[in-house]
Structures are given as C-alpha cells and as structure tokens.
Amino acid sequence: MSGDQLGILRQRRIEAAFARGVYDEMKAAIGEAAAKAILSRAVVKMAKETAAAMAKDAPGGAPSLAHFIALQPLWTKDDALEIETLRQDATRYDFNVTRCRYAEMYREMGLADLGAVLSCNRDGAFCEGYHPKMKLERTQTIMGGASHCDFRYTMEE
C-alpha cells in the first residue's frame, strides 16, 4: 500500500456525497424503502467486488487472515477508527472499534440514516468477496447507537 493512496474515510465522504443525490432522486421516484434497498444492494455488490480484487493481490494470490489484517490501514488512515485489538492469530481477529469517524462523518453530512447502508453493511459482504471461508460476526455498531462496534472475524480451516 502506498502512503499516497486515498484512505477509505476520504473515499466514503466522496461516495456519500454522490450517493445522497442519487438516493434522494430514487426516494422521490419510488419511495424510501425501495430506494434504500437498491442502494444497499449496490453497496454490497461493490464491497464484494473490491474484496475480490484485494484478495487477488494477496501474496501468492492466496488470501489469508494475515493479508486481510495487513489491509486494515486503508480503513484506519486519517485516524478514521480507534481500535482495541482483543485477539489476533491465524484463524481469529477480534477487535472493538471505540471511535468511528465514519459514523461521525455521516452524521455531519446529515446522512446518519444512511450510514449503515453506506458503510456498515459492507463489512460482511467484504468477507464474502475476500474469501468464502472468512466470516464476520458483529452484534453492534456505533452507527447503530452502541458504545462500540464488535468485530469478530474468523477464517475457517
């Protein structure tokens, strides 16, 4: 990863500004529920595609939990996340996000109701696209009003 690569937080701000315009037009034409469902499907699809491309860049073309963890600076760049690592080994990566500037940014932009669609729902989809044996369990998010996000990644043998 190069130091001049755009961090995910900055990328999400650009995407959110564009998505807001498209979402508002869809909402006016087909209603809020349908517009949110379409946006969610598009975001999930993009997350899977991005993950698959990143997996191809893994050493030897073999995605692993270690390579996945090595990608984390893209998401934490620009102090985007404050993370407390609980467990990290060959098959598990457990951490809590104690501050999420993504959530703060969406609230500042007046998009708190879309923050989970634009960011949080990408996480599980990213795992699916990265490697079929990678799973994410998360029971709460800051975006959803919790004190922290609980990320529990596993890579099945």
N, C-alpha and C. Protein backbone atom coordinates (compact mmCIF):
# COMPACT_ATOMS: atom_id res chain seq x y z
N MET A 1 0.84 -1.19 0.00
CA MET A 1 0.00 0.00 0.00
C MET A 1 0.88 1.24 0.00
N SER A 2 0.62 2.13 -0.88
CA SER A 2 1.42 3.34 -0.91
C SER A 2 0.84 4.37 0.04
N GLY A 3 1.70 5.22 0.55
CA GLY A 3 1.29 6.24 1.50
C GLY A 3 0.38 7.28 0.90
N ASP A 4 0.41 7.43 -0.43
CA ASP A 4 -0.43 8.43 -1.06
C ASP A 4 -1.78 7.88 -1.51
N GLN A 5 -2.05 6.60 -1.21
CA GLN A 5 -3.33 6.00 -1.57
C GLN A 5 -4.44 6.64 -0.74
N LEU A 6 -5.54 6.93 -1.40
CA LEU A 6 -6.68 7.56 -0.73
C LEU A 6 -7.20 6.64 0.36
N GLY A 7 -7.32 7.17 1.57
CA GLY A 7 -7.87 6.39 2.66
C GLY A 7 -9.37 6.15 2.45
N ILE A 8 -9.87 5.11 3.07
CA ILE A 8 -11.28 4.74 2.89
C ILE A 8 -12.21 5.83 3.42
N LEU A 9 -11.84 6.50 4.52
CA LEU A 9 -12.69 7.55 5.07
C LEU A 9 -12.91 8.66 4.04
N ARG A 10 -11.86 9.09 3.40
CA ARG A 10 -11.99 10.14 2.39
C ARG A 10 -12.78 9.64 1.19
N GLN A 11 -12.54 8.39 0.82
CA GLN A 11 -13.28 7.80 -0.29
C GLN A 11 -14.78 7.74 0.04
N ARG A 12 -15.11 7.33 1.28
CA ARG A 12 -16.52 7.23 1.68
C ARG A 12 -17.20 8.59 1.67
N ARG A 13 -16.48 9.65 2.03
CA ARG A 13 -17.06 11.00 2.01
C ARG A 13 -17.45 11.37 0.56
N ILE A 14 -16.58 11.10 -0.37
CA ILE A 14 -16.85 11.39 -1.78
C ILE A 14 -18.05 10.56 -2.26
N GLU A 15 -18.03 9.27 -1.94
CA GLU A 15 -19.11 8.38 -2.35
C GLU A 15 -20.44 8.81 -1.74
N ALA A 16 -20.42 9.20 -0.47
CA ALA A 16 -21.65 9.57 0.23
C ALA A 16 -22.28 10.82 -0.38
N ALA A 17 -21.45 11.78 -0.77
CA ALA A 17 -21.99 12.99 -1.39
C ALA A 17 -22.70 12.65 -2.70
N PHE A 18 -22.12 11.75 -3.47
CA PHE A 18 -22.74 11.32 -4.72
C PHE A 18 -23.99 10.47 -4.44
N ALA A 19 -23.84 9.52 -3.52
CA ALA A 19 -24.95 8.61 -3.20
C ALA A 19 -26.17 9.38 -2.70
N ARG A 20 -25.94 10.44 -1.94
CA ARG A 20 -27.06 11.23 -1.42
C ARG A 20 -27.93 11.75 -2.57
N GLY A 21 -27.30 12.29 -3.61
CA GLY A 21 -28.07 12.82 -4.74
C GLY A 21 -28.85 11.74 -5.45
N VAL A 22 -28.23 10.61 -5.70
CA VAL A 22 -28.90 9.50 -6.37
C VAL A 22 -30.02 8.96 -5.48
N TYR A 23 -29.73 8.78 -4.21
CA TYR A 23 -30.72 8.25 -3.26
C TYR A 23 -31.94 9.18 -3.19
N ASP A 24 -31.70 10.48 -3.09
CA ASP A 24 -32.82 11.43 -2.99
C ASP A 24 -33.72 11.35 -4.23
N GLU A 25 -33.11 11.20 -5.40
CA GLU A 25 -33.91 11.08 -6.63
C GLU A 25 -34.68 9.77 -6.66
N MET A 26 -34.04 8.68 -6.25
CA MET A 26 -34.73 7.39 -6.21
C MET A 26 -35.87 7.44 -5.20
N LYS A 27 -35.61 8.03 -4.03
CA LYS A 27 -36.63 8.11 -2.98
C LYS A 27 -37.85 8.88 -3.49
N ALA A 28 -37.63 9.97 -4.20
CA ALA A 28 -38.75 10.74 -4.74
C ALA A 28 -39.53 9.95 -5.78
N ALA A 29 -38.83 9.12 -6.54
CA ALA A 29 -39.48 8.39 -7.63
C ALA A 29 -40.14 7.09 -7.19
N ILE A 30 -39.50 6.36 -6.26
CA ILE A 30 -40.00 5.02 -5.94
C ILE A 30 -40.23 4.78 -4.45
N GLY A 31 -39.95 5.77 -3.62
CA GLY A 31 -40.18 5.63 -2.19
C GLY A 31 -38.91 5.28 -1.43
N GLU A 32 -38.92 5.60 -0.15
CA GLU A 32 -37.74 5.44 0.69
C GLU A 32 -37.29 3.99 0.83
N ALA A 33 -38.21 3.07 1.09
CA ALA A 33 -37.83 1.67 1.31
C ALA A 33 -37.18 1.08 0.07
N ALA A 34 -37.78 1.30 -1.09
CA ALA A 34 -37.22 0.75 -2.33
C ALA A 34 -35.88 1.39 -2.65
N ALA A 35 -35.78 2.69 -2.44
CA ALA A 35 -34.51 3.39 -2.72
C ALA A 35 -33.40 2.88 -1.82
N LYS A 36 -33.71 2.69 -0.55
CA LYS A 36 -32.71 2.19 0.40
C LYS A 36 -32.29 0.76 0.05
N ALA A 37 -33.25 -0.05 -0.38
CA ALA A 37 -32.95 -1.44 -0.76
C ALA A 37 -32.03 -1.49 -1.98
N ILE A 38 -32.30 -0.65 -2.97
CA ILE A 38 -31.45 -0.61 -4.17
C ILE A 38 -30.05 -0.14 -3.80
N LEU A 39 -29.96 0.92 -3.02
CA LEU A 39 -28.66 1.43 -2.60
C LEU A 39 -27.89 0.37 -1.82
N SER A 40 -28.57 -0.33 -0.95
CA SER A 40 -27.92 -1.37 -0.15
C SER A 40 -27.38 -2.49 -1.04
N ARG A 41 -28.18 -2.94 -1.99
CA ARG A 41 -27.72 -4.00 -2.91
C ARG A 41 -26.50 -3.55 -3.71
N ALA A 42 -26.51 -2.32 -4.16
CA ALA A 42 -25.38 -1.79 -4.93
C ALA A 42 -24.12 -1.72 -4.08
N VAL A 43 -24.24 -1.26 -2.85
CA VAL A 43 -23.09 -1.14 -1.96
C VAL A 43 -22.52 -2.52 -1.63
N VAL A 44 -23.38 -3.48 -1.35
CA VAL A 44 -22.93 -4.85 -1.07
C VAL A 44 -22.19 -5.43 -2.28
N LYS A 45 -22.74 -5.24 -3.46
CA LYS A 45 -22.10 -5.74 -4.68
C LYS A 45 -20.72 -5.13 -4.86
N MET A 46 -20.62 -3.82 -4.66
CA MET A 46 -19.33 -3.14 -4.80
C MET A 46 -18.33 -3.63 -3.76
N ALA A 47 -18.80 -3.87 -2.53
CA ALA A 47 -17.90 -4.37 -1.48
C ALA A 47 -17.33 -5.73 -1.85
N LYS A 48 -18.17 -6.61 -2.36
CA LYS A 48 -17.71 -7.94 -2.77
C LYS A 48 -16.69 -7.84 -3.90
N GLU A 49 -16.95 -6.98 -4.86
CA GLU A 49 -16.03 -6.81 -6.00
C GLU A 49 -14.69 -6.24 -5.54
N THR A 50 -14.73 -5.25 -4.66
CA THR A 50 -13.50 -4.65 -4.13
C THR A 50 -12.70 -5.69 -3.36
N ALA A 51 -13.38 -6.48 -2.55
CA ALA A 51 -12.70 -7.50 -1.75
C ALA A 51 -12.05 -8.55 -2.63
N ALA A 52 -12.76 -8.97 -3.67
CA ALA A 52 -12.20 -9.97 -4.58
C ALA A 52 -10.94 -9.45 -5.26
N ALA A 53 -10.94 -8.18 -5.62
CA ALA A 53 -9.75 -7.59 -6.24
C ALA A 53 -8.60 -7.52 -5.23
N MET A 54 -8.89 -7.18 -4.00
CA MET A 54 -7.85 -7.12 -2.97
C MET A 54 -7.32 -8.52 -2.67
N ALA A 55 -8.18 -9.51 -2.69
CA ALA A 55 -7.76 -10.89 -2.43
C ALA A 55 -6.77 -11.36 -3.49
N LYS A 56 -6.98 -10.95 -4.73
CA LYS A 56 -6.07 -11.34 -5.82
C LYS A 56 -4.67 -10.78 -5.61
N ASP A 57 -4.58 -9.67 -4.85
CA ASP A 57 -3.28 -9.05 -4.58
C ASP A 57 -2.57 -9.68 -3.38
N ALA A 58 -3.19 -10.66 -2.74
CA ALA A 58 -2.56 -11.33 -1.60
C ALA A 58 -1.30 -12.06 -2.07
N PRO A 59 -0.31 -12.19 -1.20
CA PRO A 59 0.91 -12.90 -1.59
C PRO A 59 0.59 -14.29 -2.15
N GLY A 60 1.12 -14.56 -3.32
CA GLY A 60 0.87 -15.84 -3.96
C GLY A 60 -0.56 -16.01 -4.43
N GLY A 61 -1.33 -14.91 -4.43
CA GLY A 61 -2.73 -14.99 -4.83
C GLY A 61 -3.59 -15.77 -3.85
N ALA A 62 -3.05 -15.98 -2.63
CA ALA A 62 -3.77 -16.76 -1.62
C ALA A 62 -4.23 -15.85 -0.48
N PRO A 63 -5.49 -15.43 -0.51
CA PRO A 63 -5.98 -14.57 0.57
C PRO A 63 -5.90 -15.28 1.91
N SER A 64 -5.55 -14.52 2.93
CA SER A 64 -5.41 -15.09 4.27
C SER A 64 -5.84 -14.04 5.29
N LEU A 65 -6.02 -14.47 6.50
CA LEU A 65 -6.37 -13.54 7.56
C LEU A 65 -5.24 -12.54 7.78
N ALA A 66 -3.99 -13.00 7.68
CA ALA A 66 -2.84 -12.11 7.85
C ALA A 66 -2.85 -11.01 6.78
N HIS A 67 -3.13 -11.38 5.53
CA HIS A 67 -3.19 -10.38 4.47
C HIS A 67 -4.36 -9.44 4.70
N PHE A 68 -5.49 -9.97 5.10
CA PHE A 68 -6.67 -9.15 5.40
C PHE A 68 -6.34 -8.12 6.48
N ILE A 69 -5.66 -8.56 7.53
CA ILE A 69 -5.28 -7.65 8.62
C ILE A 69 -4.30 -6.59 8.10
N ALA A 70 -3.42 -6.98 7.19
CA ALA A 70 -2.45 -6.04 6.63
C ALA A 70 -3.13 -4.93 5.82
N LEU A 71 -4.34 -5.16 5.36
CA LEU A 71 -5.10 -4.15 4.62
C LEU A 71 -5.75 -3.11 5.54
N GLN A 72 -5.83 -3.40 6.82
CA GLN A 72 -6.57 -2.54 7.75
C GLN A 72 -6.14 -1.07 7.74
N PRO A 73 -4.86 -0.74 7.50
CA PRO A 73 -4.51 0.68 7.46
C PRO A 73 -5.29 1.50 6.43
N LEU A 74 -5.83 0.86 5.40
CA LEU A 74 -6.68 1.60 4.47
C LEU A 74 -7.91 2.15 5.18
N TRP A 75 -8.46 1.37 6.10
CA TRP A 75 -9.68 1.78 6.81
C TRP A 75 -9.38 2.69 7.99
N THR A 76 -8.19 2.59 8.56
CA THR A 76 -7.85 3.39 9.73
C THR A 76 -7.13 4.69 9.38
N LYS A 77 -6.71 4.83 8.12
CA LYS A 77 -5.99 6.03 7.68
C LYS A 77 -6.78 7.29 8.04
N ASP A 78 -6.07 8.34 8.32
CA ASP A 78 -6.68 9.63 8.70
C ASP A 78 -7.39 9.53 10.04
N ASP A 79 -6.89 8.66 10.92
CA ASP A 79 -7.48 8.45 12.25
C ASP A 79 -8.97 8.12 12.15
N ALA A 80 -9.33 7.35 11.14
CA ALA A 80 -10.72 7.04 10.88
C ALA A 80 -11.34 6.15 11.96
N LEU A 81 -10.53 5.26 12.53
CA LEU A 81 -11.03 4.33 13.55
C LEU A 81 -10.05 4.26 14.71
N GLU A 82 -10.60 4.18 15.91
CA GLU A 82 -9.80 3.82 17.08
C GLU A 82 -10.17 2.40 17.43
N ILE A 83 -9.15 1.53 17.46
CA ILE A 83 -9.37 0.09 17.59
C ILE A 83 -8.67 -0.47 18.81
N GLU A 84 -9.38 -1.36 19.47
CA GLU A 84 -8.83 -2.12 20.60
C GLU A 84 -8.80 -3.59 20.15
N THR A 85 -7.59 -4.11 19.89
CA THR A 85 -7.45 -5.50 19.46
C THR A 85 -7.57 -6.42 20.66
N LEU A 86 -8.42 -7.43 20.54
CA LEU A 86 -8.66 -8.38 21.62
C LEU A 86 -7.97 -9.71 21.37
N ARG A 87 -7.94 -10.13 20.10
CA ARG A 87 -7.33 -11.41 19.76
C ARG A 87 -6.90 -11.37 18.29
N GLN A 88 -5.70 -11.87 18.03
CA GLN A 88 -5.22 -11.91 16.66
C GLN A 88 -4.31 -13.12 16.51
N ASP A 89 -4.75 -14.08 15.69
CA ASP A 89 -3.93 -15.25 15.40
C ASP A 89 -4.27 -15.73 13.99
N ALA A 90 -3.89 -16.94 13.64
CA ALA A 90 -4.04 -17.42 12.26
C ALA A 90 -5.49 -17.58 11.83
N THR A 91 -6.40 -17.79 12.77
CA THR A 91 -7.79 -18.05 12.40
C THR A 91 -8.80 -17.05 13.00
N ARG A 92 -8.35 -16.18 13.91
CA ARG A 92 -9.28 -15.23 14.55
C ARG A 92 -8.68 -13.84 14.59
N TYR A 93 -9.54 -12.88 14.40
CA TYR A 93 -9.16 -11.48 14.58
C TYR A 93 -10.35 -10.78 15.21
N ASP A 94 -10.22 -10.50 16.49
CA ASP A 94 -11.30 -9.87 17.25
C ASP A 94 -10.84 -8.49 17.69
N PHE A 95 -11.68 -7.51 17.43
CA PHE A 95 -11.37 -6.16 17.91
C PHE A 95 -12.65 -5.38 18.09
N ASN A 96 -12.54 -4.32 18.87
CA ASN A 96 -13.62 -3.38 19.06
C ASN A 96 -13.20 -2.05 18.46
N VAL A 97 -14.12 -1.40 17.79
CA VAL A 97 -13.91 -0.03 17.35
C VAL A 97 -14.53 0.85 18.42
N THR A 98 -13.70 1.67 19.03
CA THR A 98 -14.17 2.52 20.13
C THR A 98 -14.47 3.95 19.69
N ARG A 99 -13.97 4.32 18.51
CA ARG A 99 -14.35 5.59 17.89
C ARG A 99 -14.41 5.37 16.39
N CYS A 100 -15.47 5.85 15.78
CA CYS A 100 -15.68 5.65 14.35
C CYS A 100 -15.93 7.01 13.71
N ARG A 101 -14.94 7.49 12.99
CA ARG A 101 -15.09 8.76 12.31
C ARG A 101 -16.00 8.62 11.08
N TYR A 102 -16.21 7.40 10.62
CA TYR A 102 -17.17 7.19 9.53
C TYR A 102 -18.56 7.59 10.03
N ALA A 103 -18.93 7.08 11.19
CA ALA A 103 -20.24 7.43 11.78
C ALA A 103 -20.34 8.93 12.02
N GLU A 104 -19.27 9.52 12.53
CA GLU A 104 -19.26 10.96 12.78
C GLU A 104 -19.44 11.73 11.47
N MET A 105 -18.77 11.29 10.43
CA MET A 105 -18.84 11.95 9.13
C MET A 105 -20.26 11.89 8.55
N TYR A 106 -20.88 10.70 8.61
CA TYR A 106 -22.23 10.58 8.07
C TYR A 106 -23.20 11.47 8.84
N ARG A 107 -23.03 11.55 10.14
CA ARG A 107 -23.90 12.44 10.93
C ARG A 107 -23.69 13.89 10.53
N GLU A 108 -22.42 14.30 10.39
CA GLU A 108 -22.10 15.68 9.96
C GLU A 108 -22.72 16.00 8.61
N MET A 109 -22.75 15.01 7.73
CA MET A 109 -23.29 15.21 6.38
C MET A 109 -24.82 15.12 6.34
N GLY A 110 -25.44 14.87 7.49
CA GLY A 110 -26.89 14.71 7.52
C GLY A 110 -27.34 13.37 6.97
N LEU A 111 -26.44 12.37 6.99
CA LEU A 111 -26.74 11.05 6.43
C LEU A 111 -26.72 9.95 7.48
N ALA A 112 -27.02 10.28 8.71
CA ALA A 112 -26.99 9.27 9.77
C ALA A 112 -27.91 8.10 9.44
N ASP A 113 -29.03 8.36 8.77
CA ASP A 113 -29.96 7.28 8.43
C ASP A 113 -29.43 6.37 7.33
N LEU A 114 -28.42 6.82 6.59
CA LEU A 114 -27.85 6.00 5.52
C LEU A 114 -26.46 5.47 5.85
N GLY A 115 -25.89 5.87 6.97
CA GLY A 115 -24.53 5.46 7.32
C GLY A 115 -24.33 3.96 7.34
N ALA A 116 -25.28 3.26 7.91
CA ALA A 116 -25.15 1.80 7.98
C ALA A 116 -25.20 1.18 6.58
N VAL A 117 -26.03 1.73 5.71
CA VAL A 117 -26.13 1.24 4.33
C VAL A 117 -24.83 1.52 3.58
N LEU A 118 -24.29 2.72 3.76
CA LEU A 118 -23.12 3.14 3.00
C LEU A 118 -21.81 2.55 3.52
N SER A 119 -21.77 2.16 4.79
CA SER A 119 -20.51 1.64 5.34
C SER A 119 -20.68 0.31 6.07
N CYS A 120 -21.47 0.28 7.11
CA CYS A 120 -21.50 -0.90 8.00
C CYS A 120 -21.87 -2.18 7.27
N ASN A 121 -22.82 -2.11 6.35
CA ASN A 121 -23.23 -3.36 5.70
C ASN A 121 -22.21 -3.85 4.68
N ARG A 122 -21.15 -3.09 4.44
CA ARG A 122 -20.08 -3.54 3.54
C ARG A 122 -19.22 -4.61 4.21
N ASP A 123 -19.13 -4.57 5.53
CA ASP A 123 -18.15 -5.40 6.23
C ASP A 123 -18.35 -6.89 6.02
N GLY A 124 -19.55 -7.38 6.22
CA GLY A 124 -19.83 -8.80 5.99
C GLY A 124 -19.70 -9.17 4.53
N ALA A 125 -20.17 -8.27 3.66
CA ALA A 125 -20.08 -8.51 2.22
C ALA A 125 -18.62 -8.55 1.78
N PHE A 126 -17.79 -7.72 2.39
CA PHE A 126 -16.37 -7.71 2.06
C PHE A 126 -15.77 -9.08 2.35
N CYS A 127 -16.13 -9.66 3.49
CA CYS A 127 -15.63 -11.00 3.83
C CYS A 127 -16.02 -12.01 2.76
N GLU A 128 -17.27 -11.97 2.33
CA GLU A 128 -17.76 -12.90 1.30
C GLU A 128 -16.95 -12.77 0.02
N GLY A 129 -16.64 -11.55 -0.36
CA GLY A 129 -15.89 -11.33 -1.58
C GLY A 129 -14.41 -11.65 -1.44
N TYR A 130 -13.89 -11.50 -0.23
CA TYR A 130 -12.46 -11.72 0.01
C TYR A 130 -12.12 -13.21 0.02
N HIS A 131 -12.89 -13.97 0.79
CA HIS A 131 -12.63 -15.41 0.87
C HIS A 131 -13.88 -16.09 1.42
N PRO A 132 -14.35 -17.16 0.78
CA PRO A 132 -15.60 -17.80 1.23
C PRO A 132 -15.51 -18.38 2.64
N LYS A 133 -14.32 -18.61 3.15
CA LYS A 133 -14.19 -19.16 4.50
C LYS A 133 -14.00 -18.09 5.57
N MET A 134 -14.01 -16.83 5.17
CA MET A 134 -13.90 -15.74 6.14
C MET A 134 -15.30 -15.33 6.57
N LYS A 135 -15.49 -15.21 7.86
CA LYS A 135 -16.79 -14.83 8.41
C LYS A 135 -16.62 -13.67 9.38
N LEU A 136 -17.64 -12.85 9.45
CA LEU A 136 -17.69 -11.75 10.41
C LEU A 136 -18.91 -11.91 11.27
N GLU A 137 -18.70 -11.82 12.56
CA GLU A 137 -19.82 -11.72 13.50
C GLU A 137 -19.71 -10.37 14.17
N ARG A 138 -20.78 -9.61 14.09
CA ARG A 138 -20.83 -8.30 14.74
C ARG A 138 -22.23 -8.11 15.26
N THR A 139 -22.34 -7.79 16.53
CA THR A 139 -23.66 -7.66 17.14
C THR A 139 -24.08 -6.22 17.36
N GLN A 140 -23.15 -5.27 17.21
CA GLN A 140 -23.50 -3.88 17.47
C GLN A 140 -22.53 -2.95 16.74
N THR A 141 -23.02 -1.73 16.47
CA THR A 141 -22.19 -0.72 15.83
C THR A 141 -22.41 0.64 16.50
N ILE A 142 -21.40 1.46 16.40
CA ILE A 142 -21.52 2.84 16.85
C ILE A 142 -22.58 3.55 16.01
N MET A 143 -22.59 3.25 14.72
CA MET A 143 -23.59 3.85 13.83
C MET A 143 -25.00 3.53 14.30
N GLY A 144 -25.18 2.35 14.86
CA GLY A 144 -26.48 1.93 15.36
C GLY A 144 -26.78 2.41 16.77
N GLY A 145 -25.86 3.19 17.37
CA GLY A 145 -26.10 3.75 18.69
C GLY A 145 -25.35 3.08 19.83
N ALA A 146 -24.56 2.04 19.54
CA ALA A 146 -23.82 1.34 20.59
C ALA A 146 -22.56 2.13 20.98
N SER A 147 -21.98 1.74 22.09
CA SER A 147 -20.76 2.40 22.57
C SER A 147 -19.55 2.03 21.74
N HIS A 148 -19.61 0.88 21.07
CA HIS A 148 -18.51 0.41 20.23
C HIS A 148 -19.03 -0.61 19.22
N CYS A 149 -18.22 -0.86 18.20
CA CYS A 149 -18.52 -1.90 17.23
C CYS A 149 -17.70 -3.13 17.61
N ASP A 150 -18.32 -4.29 17.62
CA ASP A 150 -17.60 -5.52 17.99
C ASP A 150 -17.38 -6.39 16.76
N PHE A 151 -16.18 -6.33 16.22
CA PHE A 151 -15.80 -7.11 15.05
C PHE A 151 -15.17 -8.41 15.50
N ARG A 152 -15.71 -9.54 15.01
CA ARG A 152 -15.16 -10.87 15.32
C ARG A 152 -15.02 -11.63 14.00
N TYR A 153 -13.80 -11.62 13.48
CA TYR A 153 -13.52 -12.30 12.23
C TYR A 153 -12.98 -13.70 12.49
N THR A 154 -13.41 -14.65 11.69
CA THR A 154 -12.84 -15.99 11.74
C THR A 154 -12.53 -16.43 10.32
N MET A 155 -11.46 -17.20 10.19
CA MET A 155 -11.11 -17.82 8.92
C MET A 155 -11.16 -19.32 9.19
N GLU A 156 -12.17 -19.96 8.59
CA GLU A 156 -12.33 -21.40 8.79
C GLU A 156 -11.16 -22.13 8.17
N GLU A 157 -10.79 -23.24 8.78
CA GLU A 157 -9.67 -24.06 8.27
C GLU A 157 -10.05 -24.66 6.93
